């Protein structure tokens, strides 16, 4: 079912402003079928992923500190104590600015993480990490690497090293992930795109910008 521009704008507004579960509410509010809502939700998520691919930043540089970390997002407990598997995400945040990057990953190996670090973090950056072994590769590359042992301290008492900003970022990402079951392949990239979109758009710009991005990625679409 193809909706009018006005109804699509209302649907997008409700998607962006109402926390999950929201499908039944939007169905009643706009008088459209659940199947139509699911189709449009799927497209909105594609727009988020497209936005993330175009707006993820390269950060750091000489004199800059970047905190990096990995997190599993979306792991939820369900029947009989079992868990729905989440998605590993790797990210970094630059101290003293709102600049960050975030990437969904299949694994946390040194090879995977280092390739992303080289792509997203400029050389000569000071990088703060926890003691995860995959970060040992940084000592052999063009970065200054400081670690904090979280089993002992949250902030290293000697160097001041910590990863509290990037850990706070994960808390914000988790708030955007629905508490209801999703298969892993539907999680991949979605919440990353949602977070980047929310963080880079002002409150007044979210709906018109999302509509404009959607128009751009639909072949033959018009304003």
C-alpha atoms as a PDB file:
ATOM      1  CA  UNK A   1       0.000   0.000   0.000  1.00  0.00           C
ATOM      2  CA  UNK A   2       1.386   3.410  -1.020  1.00  0.00           C
ATOM      3  CA  UNK A   3       0.710   6.151   1.523  1.00  0.00           C
ATOM      4  CA  UNK A   4       0.320   9.869   0.895  1.00  0.00           C
ATOM      5  CA  UNK A   5       3.204  12.190   1.768  1.00  0.00           C
ATOM      6  CA  UNK A   6       1.239  13.545   4.725  1.00  0.00           C
ATOM      7  CA  UNK A   7       0.586  10.099   6.201  1.00  0.00           C
ATOM      8  CA  UNK A   8       4.213   9.060   5.653  1.00  0.00           C
ATOM      9  CA  UNK A   9       5.374  12.196   7.474  1.00  0.00           C
ATOM     10  CA  UNK A  10       3.102  11.358  10.423  1.00  0.00           C
ATOM     11  CA  UNK A  11       4.312   7.741  10.433  1.00  0.00           C
ATOM     12  CA  UNK A  12       7.954   8.851  10.445  1.00  0.00           C
ATOM     13  CA  UNK A  13       7.264  11.344  13.241  1.00  0.00           C
ATOM     14  CA  UNK A  14       5.652   8.640  15.395  1.00  0.00           C
ATOM     15  CA  UNK A  15       8.477   6.207  14.621  1.00  0.00           C
ATOM     16  CA  UNK A  16      11.067   8.749  15.760  1.00  0.00           C
ATOM     17  CA  UNK A  17       9.252  10.002  18.839  1.00  0.00           C
ATOM     18  CA  UNK A  18       7.348   7.041  20.273  1.00  0.00           C
ATOM     19  CA  UNK A  19       9.307   4.241  22.006  1.00  0.00           C
ATOM     20  CA  UNK A  20       8.597   0.572  21.142  1.00  0.00           C
ATOM     21  CA  UNK A  21       6.183  -1.156  21.057  1.00  0.00           C
ATOM     22  CA  UNK A  22       4.541   1.315  18.705  1.00  0.00           C
ATOM     23  CA  UNK A  23       3.100  -0.661  15.766  1.00  0.00           C
ATOM     24  CA  UNK A  24      -0.428  -1.079  17.189  1.00  0.00           C
ATOM     25  CA  UNK A  25      -0.551   2.534  18.331  1.00  0.00           C
ATOM     26  CA  UNK A  26       0.425   3.797  14.855  1.00  0.00           C
ATOM     27  CA  UNK A  27      -2.044   1.389  13.251  1.00  0.00           C
ATOM     28  CA  UNK A  28      -4.892   2.896  15.288  1.00  0.00           C
ATOM     29  CA  UNK A  29      -3.652   6.477  14.960  1.00  0.00           C
ATOM     30  CA  UNK A  30      -3.235   6.439  11.166  1.00  0.00           C
ATOM     31  CA  UNK A  31      -5.822   3.766  10.296  1.00  0.00           C
ATOM     32  CA  UNK A  32      -3.439   1.677   8.214  1.00  0.00           C
ATOM     33  CA  UNK A  33      -2.731  -2.052   8.238  1.00  0.00           C
ATOM     34  CA  UNK A  34      -0.006  -3.676  10.310  1.00  0.00           C
ATOM     35  CA  UNK A  35       1.498  -5.122   7.104  1.00  0.00           C
ATOM     36  CA  UNK A  36       1.861  -1.609   5.663  1.00  0.00           C
ATOM     37  CA  UNK A  37       3.453  -0.366   8.870  1.00  0.00           C
ATOM     38  CA  UNK A  38       5.949  -3.240   8.859  1.00  0.00           C
ATOM     39  CA  UNK A  39       6.889  -2.444   5.244  1.00  0.00           C
ATOM     40  CA  UNK A  40       7.475   1.226   6.026  1.00  0.00           C
ATOM     41  CA  UNK A  41       9.373   0.408   9.230  1.00  0.00           C
ATOM     42  CA  UNK A  42      11.668  -1.821   7.184  1.00  0.00           C
ATOM     43  CA  UNK A  43      12.301   1.008   4.735  1.00  0.00           C
ATOM     44  CA  UNK A  44      12.967   3.493   7.562  1.00  0.00           C
ATOM     45  CA  UNK A  45      15.618   1.124   8.921  1.00  0.00           C
ATOM     46  CA  UNK A  46      17.222   0.945   5.481  1.00  0.00           C
ATOM     47  CA  UNK A  47      17.342   4.751   5.490  1.00  0.00           C
ATOM     48  CA  UNK A  48      19.050   4.693   8.895  1.00  0.00           C
ATOM     49  CA  UNK A  49      21.701   2.267   7.630  1.00  0.00           C
ATOM     50  CA  UNK A  50      22.239   4.366   4.496  1.00  0.00           C
ATOM     51  CA  UNK A  51      22.596   7.490   6.657  1.00  0.00           C
ATOM     52  CA  UNK A  52      25.119   5.760   8.910  1.00  0.00           C
ATOM     53  CA  UNK A  53      27.235   4.697   5.939  1.00  0.00           C
ATOM     54  CA  UNK A  54      27.396   8.313   4.721  1.00  0.00           C
ATOM     55  CA  UNK A  55      27.925  10.040   8.069  1.00  0.00           C
ATOM     56  CA  UNK A  56      30.267   7.881  10.158  1.00  0.00           C
ATOM     57  CA  UNK A  57      33.281  10.083  10.902  1.00  0.00           C
ATOM     58  CA  UNK A  58      37.059   9.683  10.822  1.00  0.00           C
ATOM     59  CA  UNK A  59      38.234  10.879  14.232  1.00  0.00           C
ATOM     60  CA  UNK A  60      41.354  11.550  16.285  1.00  0.00           C
ATOM     61  CA  UNK A  61      44.733  12.831  15.186  1.00  0.00           C
ATOM     62  CA  UNK A  62      47.833  14.400  16.728  1.00  0.00           C
ATOM     63  CA  UNK A  63      47.094  15.488  20.314  1.00  0.00           C
ATOM     64  CA  UNK A  64      43.664  13.801  20.353  1.00  0.00           C
ATOM     65  CA  UNK A  65      42.460  11.008  22.654  1.00  0.00           C
ATOM     66  CA  UNK A  66      40.024   8.397  21.352  1.00  0.00           C
ATOM     67  CA  UNK A  67      38.390   5.775  23.557  1.00  0.00           C
ATOM     68  CA  UNK A  68      37.478   2.508  21.804  1.00  0.00           C
ATOM     69  CA  UNK A  69      35.484  -0.496  22.953  1.00  0.00           C
ATOM     70  CA  UNK A  70      33.278  -3.326  21.737  1.00  0.00           C
ATOM     71  CA  UNK A  71      29.844  -4.251  23.058  1.00  0.00           C
ATOM     72  CA  UNK A  72      27.202  -6.860  22.398  1.00  0.00           C
ATOM     73  CA  UNK A  73      23.906  -5.084  21.788  1.00  0.00           C
ATOM     74  CA  UNK A  74      20.477  -6.666  21.794  1.00  0.00           C
ATOM     75  CA  UNK A  75      21.095  -9.802  23.865  1.00  0.00           C
ATOM     76  CA  UNK A  76      17.813 -10.505  25.654  1.00  0.00           C
ATOM     77  CA  UNK A  77      16.618 -13.184  28.035  1.00  0.00           C
ATOM     78  CA  UNK A  78      13.505 -15.101  27.026  1.00  0.00           C
ATOM     79  CA  UNK A  79      11.815 -18.457  27.796  1.00  0.00           C
ATOM     80  CA  UNK A  80      13.384 -20.774  30.405  1.00  0.00           C
ATOM     81  CA  UNK A  81      16.462 -18.643  30.950  1.00  0.00           C
ATOM     82  CA  UNK A  82      17.626 -18.794  27.328  1.00  0.00           C
ATOM     83  CA  UNK A  83      19.014 -15.781  25.515  1.00  0.00           C
ATOM     84  CA  UNK A  84      18.465 -14.234  22.118  1.00  0.00           C
ATOM     85  CA  UNK A  85      21.863 -13.552  20.601  1.00  0.00           C
ATOM     86  CA  UNK A  86      22.805  -9.927  20.104  1.00  0.00           C
ATOM     87  CA  UNK A  87      25.168  -8.180  17.704  1.00  0.00           C
ATOM     88  CA  UNK A  88      28.776  -7.214  18.375  1.00  0.00           C
ATOM     89  CA  UNK A  89      29.430  -3.540  17.704  1.00  0.00           C
ATOM     90  CA  UNK A  90      32.800  -1.780  17.714  1.00  0.00           C
ATOM     91  CA  UNK A  91      33.075   1.953  18.251  1.00  0.00           C
ATOM     92  CA  UNK A  92      35.154   4.891  19.356  1.00  0.00           C
ATOM     93  CA  UNK A  93      34.586   8.395  20.655  1.00  0.00           C
ATOM     94  CA  UNK A  94      36.915  11.403  20.556  1.00  0.00           C
ATOM     95  CA  UNK A  95      37.447  13.198  23.860  1.00  0.00           C
ATOM     96  CA  UNK A  96      36.359  16.825  23.946  1.00  0.00           C
ATOM     97  CA  UNK A  97      34.025  16.571  20.949  1.00  0.00           C
ATOM     98  CA  UNK A  98      30.860  14.766  19.848  1.00  0.00           C
ATOM     99  CA  UNK A  99      32.737  12.909  17.112  1.00  0.00           C
ATOM    100  CA  UNK A 100      32.429   9.138  17.087  1.00  0.00           C
ATOM    101  CA  UNK A 101      32.245   6.055  14.881  1.00  0.00           C
ATOM    102  CA  UNK A 102      30.342   2.823  15.274  1.00  0.00           C
ATOM    103  CA  UNK A 103      30.434  -0.365  13.184  1.00  0.00           C
ATOM    104  CA  UNK A 104      28.606  -3.707  13.477  1.00  0.00           C
ATOM    105  CA  UNK A 105      31.182  -6.546  13.356  1.00  0.00           C
ATOM    106  CA  UNK A 106      31.113 -10.326  13.025  1.00  0.00           C
ATOM    107  CA  UNK A 107      34.000 -10.891  15.449  1.00  0.00           C
ATOM    108  CA  UNK A 108      36.445  -9.084  17.762  1.00  0.00           C
ATOM    109  CA  UNK A 109      39.690 -10.393  16.327  1.00  0.00           C
ATOM    110  CA  UNK A 110      42.782  -8.188  16.046  1.00  0.00           C
ATOM    111  CA  UNK A 111      42.504  -8.294  12.257  1.00  0.00           C
ATOM    112  CA  UNK A 112      38.887  -7.113  12.238  1.00  0.00           C
ATOM    113  CA  UNK A 113      39.346  -4.360  14.807  1.00  0.00           C
ATOM    114  CA  UNK A 114      42.657  -3.078  13.419  1.00  0.00           C
ATOM    115  CA  UNK A 115      41.222  -2.713   9.911  1.00  0.00           C
ATOM    116  CA  UNK A 116      38.406  -0.560  11.311  1.00  0.00           C
ATOM    117  CA  UNK A 117      40.795   1.435  13.510  1.00  0.00           C
ATOM    118  CA  UNK A 118      42.982   2.250  10.495  1.00  0.00           C
ATOM    119  CA  UNK A 119      39.909   3.339   8.539  1.00  0.00           C
ATOM    120  CA  UNK A 120      38.229   5.374  11.301  1.00  0.00           C
ATOM    121  CA  UNK A 121      41.061   6.747  13.495  1.00  0.00           C
ATOM    122  CA  UNK A 122      43.812   9.003  12.192  1.00  0.00           C
ATOM    123  CA  UNK A 123      47.478   8.078  12.804  1.00  0.00           C
ATOM    124  CA  UNK A 124      49.277   9.521  15.858  1.00  0.00           C
ATOM    125  CA  UNK A 125      46.103   9.385  17.954  1.00  0.00           C
ATOM    126  CA  UNK A 126      46.333   8.394  21.624  1.00  0.00           C
ATOM    127  CA  UNK A 127      43.930   5.474  22.048  1.00  0.00           C
ATOM    128  CA  UNK A 128      42.500   4.370  25.396  1.00  0.00           C
ATOM    129  CA  UNK A 129      41.203   0.797  25.726  1.00  0.00           C
ATOM    130  CA  UNK A 130      40.455  -1.864  28.282  1.00  0.00           C
ATOM    131  CA  UNK A 131      42.683  -4.928  28.494  1.00  0.00           C
ATOM    132  CA  UNK A 132      41.049  -6.914  25.667  1.00  0.00           C
ATOM    133  CA  UNK A 133      43.855  -8.866  23.976  1.00  0.00           C
ATOM    134  CA  UNK A 134      42.888  -7.851  20.434  1.00  0.00           C
ATOM    135  CA  UNK A 135      44.045  -4.313  21.193  1.00  0.00           C
ATOM    136  CA  UNK A 136      47.649  -5.460  21.697  1.00  0.00           C
ATOM    137  CA  UNK A 137      48.102  -4.890  17.952  1.00  0.00           C
ATOM    138  CA  UNK A 138      47.970  -1.128  18.557  1.00  0.00           C
ATOM    139  CA  UNK A 139      51.407  -1.205  20.164  1.00  0.00           C
ATOM    140  CA  UNK A 140      52.880  -2.165  16.793  1.00  0.00           C
ATOM    141  CA  UNK A 141      51.073   0.502  14.747  1.00  0.00           C
ATOM    142  CA  UNK A 142      51.100   4.284  14.442  1.00  0.00           C
ATOM    143  CA  UNK A 143      49.116   4.972  17.608  1.00  0.00           C
ATOM    144  CA  UNK A 144      49.925   5.731  21.240  1.00  0.00           C
ATOM    145  CA  UNK A 145      48.132   3.037  23.250  1.00  0.00           C
ATOM    146  CA  UNK A 146      47.130   3.258  26.927  1.00  0.00           C
ATOM    147  CA  UNK A 147      45.057   0.667  28.777  1.00  0.00           C
ATOM    148  CA  UNK A 148      42.988   0.433  31.940  1.00  0.00           C
ATOM    149  CA  UNK A 149      42.468  -2.851  33.789  1.00  0.00           C
ATOM    150  CA  UNK A 150      38.772  -2.858  34.661  1.00  0.00           C
ATOM    151  CA  UNK A 151      39.184  -5.730  37.092  1.00  0.00           C
ATOM    152  CA  UNK A 152      41.257  -3.341  39.241  1.00  0.00           C
ATOM    153  CA  UNK A 153      40.132   0.227  38.433  1.00  0.00           C
ATOM    154  CA  UNK A 154      37.685   2.082  36.211  1.00  0.00           C
ATOM    155  CA  UNK A 155      40.294   4.834  35.855  1.00  0.00           C
ATOM    156  CA  UNK A 156      44.005   4.028  35.899  1.00  0.00           C
ATOM    157  CA  UNK A 157      45.375   5.922  38.941  1.00  0.00           C
ATOM    158  CA  UNK A 158      48.767   6.490  37.312  1.00  0.00           C
ATOM    159  CA  UNK A 159      47.888   7.519  33.740  1.00  0.00           C
ATOM    160  CA  UNK A 160      44.247   8.612  34.038  1.00  0.00           C
ATOM    161  CA  UNK A 161      43.319   6.176  31.271  1.00  0.00           C
ATOM    162  CA  UNK A 162      39.612   5.279  31.109  1.00  0.00           C
ATOM    163  CA  UNK A 163      36.896   4.286  28.632  1.00  0.00           C
ATOM    164  CA  UNK A 164      33.916   5.792  30.430  1.00  0.00           C
ATOM    165  CA  UNK A 165      32.766   7.949  27.509  1.00  0.00           C
ATOM    166  CA  UNK A 166      32.542   5.093  25.025  1.00  0.00           C
ATOM    167  CA  UNK A 167      30.835   2.905  27.638  1.00  0.00           C
ATOM    168  CA  UNK A 168      28.277   5.671  28.160  1.00  0.00           C
ATOM    169  CA  UNK A 169      27.720   5.655  24.395  1.00  0.00           C
ATOM    170  CA  UNK A 170      26.804   1.953  24.548  1.00  0.00           C
ATOM    171  CA  UNK A 171      24.207   2.717  27.221  1.00  0.00           C
ATOM    172  CA  UNK A 172      22.578   5.214  24.864  1.00  0.00           C
ATOM    173  CA  UNK A 173      22.618   2.719  21.978  1.00  0.00           C
ATOM    174  CA  UNK A 174      20.971   0.043  24.123  1.00  0.00           C
ATOM    175  CA  UNK A 175      18.107   2.410  24.914  1.00  0.00           C
ATOM    176  CA  UNK A 176      17.236   2.415  21.201  1.00  0.00           C
ATOM    177  CA  UNK A 177      17.114  -1.382  20.853  1.00  0.00           C
ATOM    178  CA  UNK A 178      13.612  -2.819  21.390  1.00  0.00           C
ATOM    179  CA  UNK A 179      13.199  -5.225  24.290  1.00  0.00           C
ATOM    180  CA  UNK A 180      11.309  -7.604  22.051  1.00  0.00           C
ATOM    181  CA  UNK A 181      12.835 -10.473  20.121  1.00  0.00           C
ATOM    182  CA  UNK A 182      14.676  -9.750  16.902  1.00  0.00           C
ATOM    183  CA  UNK A 183      16.752 -12.118  14.852  1.00  0.00           C
ATOM    184  CA  UNK A 184      20.440 -11.279  14.691  1.00  0.00           C
ATOM    185  CA  UNK A 185      20.394 -10.477  10.982  1.00  0.00           C
ATOM    186  CA  UNK A 186      17.666  -7.850  11.514  1.00  0.00           C
ATOM    187  CA  UNK A 187      19.715  -6.238  14.276  1.00  0.00           C
ATOM    188  CA  UNK A 188      22.875  -5.875  12.237  1.00  0.00           C
ATOM    189  CA  UNK A 189      23.438  -2.251  11.369  1.00  0.00           C
ATOM    190  CA  UNK A 190      19.965  -1.020  12.351  1.00  0.00           C
ATOM    191  CA  UNK A 191      20.673   0.324  15.812  1.00  0.00           C
ATOM    192  CA  UNK A 192      24.027   1.651  14.626  1.00  0.00           C
ATOM    193  CA  UNK A 193      22.253   3.712  11.992  1.00  0.00           C
ATOM    194  CA  UNK A 194      19.545   4.814  14.420  1.00  0.00           C
ATOM    195  CA  UNK A 195      22.098   6.057  16.947  1.00  0.00           C
ATOM    196  CA  UNK A 196      24.217   7.918  14.408  1.00  0.00           C
ATOM    197  CA  UNK A 197      21.091   9.517  12.955  1.00  0.00           C
ATOM    198  CA  UNK A 198      19.770  10.621  16.345  1.00  0.00           C
ATOM    199  CA  UNK A 199      23.155  12.006  17.393  1.00  0.00           C
ATOM    200  CA  UNK A 200      23.827  13.989  14.219  1.00  0.00           C
ATOM    201  CA  UNK A 201      20.394  15.539  13.681  1.00  0.00           C
ATOM    202  CA  UNK A 202      18.842  18.369  15.683  1.00  0.00           C
ATOM    203  CA  UNK A 203      15.407  17.753  17.185  1.00  0.00           C
ATOM    204  CA  UNK A 204      13.707  19.947  14.540  1.00  0.00           C
ATOM    205  CA  UNK A 205      15.488  18.280  11.610  1.00  0.00           C
ATOM    206  CA  UNK A 206      14.867  14.574  12.198  1.00  0.00           C
ATOM    207  CA  UNK A 207      11.614  14.094  10.253  1.00  0.00           C
ATOM    208  CA  UNK A 208      12.283  16.280   7.160  1.00  0.00           C
ATOM    209  CA  UNK A 209      15.843  14.978   6.886  1.00  0.00           C
ATOM    210  CA  UNK A 210      14.710  11.341   7.081  1.00  0.00           C
ATOM    211  CA  UNK A 211      12.092  11.967   4.387  1.00  0.00           C
ATOM    212  CA  UNK A 212      14.694  13.636   2.154  1.00  0.00           C
ATOM    213  CA  UNK A 213      17.211  10.807   2.576  1.00  0.00           C
ATOM    214  CA  UNK A 214      14.469   8.286   1.831  1.00  0.00           C
ATOM    215  CA  UNK A 215      13.515  10.171  -1.340  1.00  0.00           C
ATOM    216  CA  UNK A 216      17.141  10.109  -2.499  1.00  0.00           C
ATOM    217  CA  UNK A 217      17.571   6.351  -2.189  1.00  0.00           C
ATOM    218  CA  UNK A 218      14.300   5.367  -3.892  1.00  0.00           C
ATOM    219  CA  UNK A 219      14.784   5.112  -7.680  1.00  0.00           C
ATOM    220  CA  UNK A 220      12.430   7.481  -9.501  1.00  0.00           C
ATOM    221  CA  UNK A 221      11.147   9.165  -6.338  1.00  0.00           C
ATOM    222  CA  UNK A 222      10.151  12.828  -6.483  1.00  0.00           C
ATOM    223  CA  UNK A 223       9.966  15.532  -3.839  1.00  0.00           C
END
